């Protein structure tokens, strides 16, 4: 599995689109790579309030051969999300 290629494609795919649901967008982008395998599930691993408006959420998106951990900052009032960072392992 070429992790570098997958990370680059994931970063570019997220920059070129403005999805309302980032975890599902990551899942769809990852399923484009046959070497990651089938989708196994999505788990919320962290939820922390940064201030009265912003929430930091951490998700683990699991596939057969890898997992993507993604940190999102979301605003429930405006229904917006931004990726703070992600790791592929």
C-alpha atoms as a PDB file:
ATOM      1  CA  UNK A   1       0.000   0.000   0.000  1.00  0.00           C
ATOM      2  CA  UNK A   2       1.415   3.382  -0.989  1.00  0.00           C
ATOM      3  CA  UNK A   3       0.498   5.491   2.058  1.00  0.00           C
ATOM      4  CA  UNK A   4       2.137   8.607   0.653  1.00  0.00           C
ATOM      5  CA  UNK A   5       0.007   8.441  -2.507  1.00  0.00           C
ATOM      6  CA  UNK A   6      -3.181   7.897  -0.487  1.00  0.00           C
ATOM      7  CA  UNK A   7      -2.411  10.812   1.884  1.00  0.00           C
ATOM      8  CA  UNK A   8      -1.778  13.135  -1.047  1.00  0.00           C
ATOM      9  CA  UNK A   9      -4.972  12.098  -2.844  1.00  0.00           C
ATOM     10  CA  UNK A  10      -6.964  12.490   0.364  1.00  0.00           C
ATOM     11  CA  UNK A  11      -5.560  15.979   1.039  1.00  0.00           C
ATOM     12  CA  UNK A  12      -6.159  17.150  -2.536  1.00  0.00           C
ATOM     13  CA  UNK A  13      -9.644  15.620  -2.607  1.00  0.00           C
ATOM     14  CA  UNK A  14     -10.639  17.396   0.594  1.00  0.00           C
ATOM     15  CA  UNK A  15      -9.235  20.738  -0.615  1.00  0.00           C
ATOM     16  CA  UNK A  16     -11.045  20.525  -3.955  1.00  0.00           C
ATOM     17  CA  UNK A  17     -14.440  19.795  -2.458  1.00  0.00           C
ATOM     18  CA  UNK A  18     -16.519  21.416   0.250  1.00  0.00           C
ATOM     19  CA  UNK A  19     -18.489  18.503   1.660  1.00  0.00           C
ATOM     20  CA  UNK A  20     -21.066  18.961   4.401  1.00  0.00           C
ATOM     21  CA  UNK A  21     -20.093  15.643   5.954  1.00  0.00           C
ATOM     22  CA  UNK A  22     -16.305  15.301   5.949  1.00  0.00           C
ATOM     23  CA  UNK A  23     -16.112  11.786   7.471  1.00  0.00           C
ATOM     24  CA  UNK A  24     -18.323  10.416   4.675  1.00  0.00           C
ATOM     25  CA  UNK A  25     -16.284  12.306   2.064  1.00  0.00           C
ATOM     26  CA  UNK A  26     -13.092  10.720   3.440  1.00  0.00           C
ATOM     27  CA  UNK A  27     -14.743   7.294   3.336  1.00  0.00           C
ATOM     28  CA  UNK A  28     -15.753   7.805  -0.301  1.00  0.00           C
ATOM     29  CA  UNK A  29     -12.270   9.031  -1.285  1.00  0.00           C
ATOM     30  CA  UNK A  30     -10.589   6.099   0.462  1.00  0.00           C
ATOM     31  CA  UNK A  31     -12.860   3.549  -1.210  1.00  0.00           C
ATOM     32  CA  UNK A  32     -11.337   4.715  -4.508  1.00  0.00           C
ATOM     33  CA  UNK A  33      -8.163   2.845  -3.509  1.00  0.00           C
ATOM     34  CA  UNK A  34      -8.551  -0.906  -3.780  1.00  0.00           C
ATOM     35  CA  UNK A  35      -5.596  -1.551  -1.456  1.00  0.00           C
ATOM     36  CA  UNK A  36      -7.413  -0.100   1.599  1.00  0.00           C
ATOM     37  CA  UNK A  37     -10.049  -2.841   1.450  1.00  0.00           C
ATOM     38  CA  UNK A  38     -13.666  -2.681   2.502  1.00  0.00           C
ATOM     39  CA  UNK A  39     -15.125  -0.084   4.834  1.00  0.00           C
ATOM     40  CA  UNK A  40     -15.484  -1.489   8.375  1.00  0.00           C
ATOM     41  CA  UNK A  41     -16.936   1.429  10.291  1.00  0.00           C
ATOM     42  CA  UNK A  42     -16.694   4.939  11.617  1.00  0.00           C
ATOM     43  CA  UNK A  43     -16.230   5.676  15.326  1.00  0.00           C
ATOM     44  CA  UNK A  44     -16.201   8.956  17.240  1.00  0.00           C
ATOM     45  CA  UNK A  45     -13.111   8.716  19.457  1.00  0.00           C
ATOM     46  CA  UNK A  46     -13.159  12.219  20.912  1.00  0.00           C
ATOM     47  CA  UNK A  47     -15.445  15.186  21.398  1.00  0.00           C
ATOM     48  CA  UNK A  48     -14.172  18.341  23.069  1.00  0.00           C
ATOM     49  CA  UNK A  49     -15.637  21.843  23.270  1.00  0.00           C
ATOM     50  CA  UNK A  50     -13.032  24.469  22.288  1.00  0.00           C
ATOM     51  CA  UNK A  51     -15.193  27.499  23.065  1.00  0.00           C
ATOM     52  CA  UNK A  52     -18.935  28.240  23.271  1.00  0.00           C
ATOM     53  CA  UNK A  53     -19.281  27.814  19.504  1.00  0.00           C
ATOM     54  CA  UNK A  54     -16.586  25.400  18.247  1.00  0.00           C
ATOM     55  CA  UNK A  55     -16.280  21.664  18.903  1.00  0.00           C
ATOM     56  CA  UNK A  56     -13.267  19.472  18.140  1.00  0.00           C
ATOM     57  CA  UNK A  57     -14.323  15.977  17.073  1.00  0.00           C
ATOM     58  CA  UNK A  58     -12.004  13.047  16.422  1.00  0.00           C
ATOM     59  CA  UNK A  59     -13.098  10.160  14.188  1.00  0.00           C
ATOM     60  CA  UNK A  60     -11.544   6.786  13.414  1.00  0.00           C
ATOM     61  CA  UNK A  61     -12.564   5.622   9.931  1.00  0.00           C
ATOM     62  CA  UNK A  62     -11.653   1.940   9.692  1.00  0.00           C
ATOM     63  CA  UNK A  63     -10.967  -0.118   6.581  1.00  0.00           C
ATOM     64  CA  UNK A  64      -9.670  -3.682   6.214  1.00  0.00           C
ATOM     65  CA  UNK A  65      -6.028  -2.675   5.763  1.00  0.00           C
ATOM     66  CA  UNK A  66      -5.782   0.782   7.361  1.00  0.00           C
ATOM     67  CA  UNK A  67      -7.414   3.357   9.607  1.00  0.00           C
ATOM     68  CA  UNK A  68      -7.780   7.097   9.079  1.00  0.00           C
ATOM     69  CA  UNK A  69      -7.852   9.219  12.242  1.00  0.00           C
ATOM     70  CA  UNK A  70      -9.246  12.659  11.459  1.00  0.00           C
ATOM     71  CA  UNK A  71      -9.599  15.725  13.698  1.00  0.00           C
ATOM     72  CA  UNK A  72     -12.422  18.097  12.773  1.00  0.00           C
ATOM     73  CA  UNK A  73     -13.395  21.485  14.121  1.00  0.00           C
ATOM     74  CA  UNK A  74     -17.115  22.013  13.694  1.00  0.00           C
ATOM     75  CA  UNK A  75     -19.598  24.764  14.326  1.00  0.00           C
ATOM     76  CA  UNK A  76     -23.054  23.322  15.026  1.00  0.00           C
ATOM     77  CA  UNK A  77     -24.719  26.723  14.542  1.00  0.00           C
ATOM     78  CA  UNK A  78     -23.498  27.217  10.964  1.00  0.00           C
ATOM     79  CA  UNK A  79     -23.280  23.458  10.240  1.00  0.00           C
ATOM     80  CA  UNK A  80     -19.682  23.894   9.013  1.00  0.00           C
ATOM     81  CA  UNK A  81     -16.706  21.571   9.452  1.00  0.00           C
ATOM     82  CA  UNK A  82     -12.979  21.991   8.861  1.00  0.00           C
ATOM     83  CA  UNK A  83     -10.253  19.357   8.919  1.00  0.00           C
ATOM     84  CA  UNK A  84      -7.611  20.135  11.520  1.00  0.00           C
ATOM     85  CA  UNK A  85      -5.489  17.115  10.582  1.00  0.00           C
ATOM     86  CA  UNK A  86      -5.526  13.421   9.738  1.00  0.00           C
ATOM     87  CA  UNK A  87      -3.309  10.379  10.144  1.00  0.00           C
ATOM     88  CA  UNK A  88      -3.287   7.218   8.099  1.00  0.00           C
ATOM     89  CA  UNK A  89      -2.023   4.032   9.738  1.00  0.00           C
END
